[in-house]
Amino acid sequence: MGNTNLAESSSVQSVDRALMILEILAQRGESGVTEIAADLGVHKSTASRLMSALLNRGLVDQVSDRGRYRLGLGLVRLAGSVTSSLDAVSGSRAVTKALATEVGETVNIAVLDNNRVLYVDQVIGPSMVSMRSWLGHSVPTHCTASGKVLTAWLDESDRISARPSSWKKLAANTITSGEALEKELKRVRELGYAVANQEMEPDFMAVAAPIRDEHDEVTAALVISGPASRIKPEDFESLGHIVKQSASKLSGNPNFWRE
């Protein structure tokens, strides 16, 4: 009986470590076995066995010329299965495609994942130069238009819980205090939309509005994003009204989401 429990505990630990590897690669982009072993606090041989298992499942790919690893296409398949079942995605494509065409920029749908923002759907805009794909990426709440929208209407305790673990300055206009963030979220509630002016990255601009459920609770964010060369601060008000109108089309009726 004791050996059975020990084996089960070891299996759970291996699963937990494998998931930690995927999270590390999601944050870092690429990493070697030595780095991953150090992050996990395990021997290099243990990390190597875990990487081999993930590689066999297609959940990671090896960058052959450097012996490093990155997330694999197998995750896209899994993400696609999740995306198709998400209420906020399954019936939204007509609206997001129309919005992307109207504004000429990339449109995303994002949801709150603890104190991070997770992008769950994306429509690339028709602009000649498109921003990179955000699908499946996890980003902070305090320096993104989507994060501001997803947290602005939370209770105060939940807003505090959704704050970043550190106030590191990521770009020229990053919010770096709870007081400044609360002031910004108050403005989001007043306007009904949020903006990000080079707060997470230089040259990255975004405008977002809340998607609400039938109980008027914010369940997702609809986001327009693009480079500062195309989206200017003077565009924020007009884009804010446009994205609010589109978000309202996706709000209120749960049956709308079903394909």
Foldseek 3Di string as FASTA:
>chain_A
DVVVVVVVVVVVVLVVLLVVVQVVQLVPVKDALVVSCVVVVHDSVSSVVSVVVCVVQQQWDAPVVVRIIHGGCSVVVVLVVVLCPDLLRVQQVVLQQVLLAVQQAKKWKWFDDFLKIATNDIDGGPDPDYDDDRHGHIGGLQQAQFSLQNQLPDPPVSNVRNHDPAQDFQFDDADRDPVVSNVQSVVCVVLQKGWHQCRNHAQKIKIWHFQEEQVRHGGIIMMTMDGCVRDPPVCRNVVNVSRHVSSPVRHNDSVSSHD
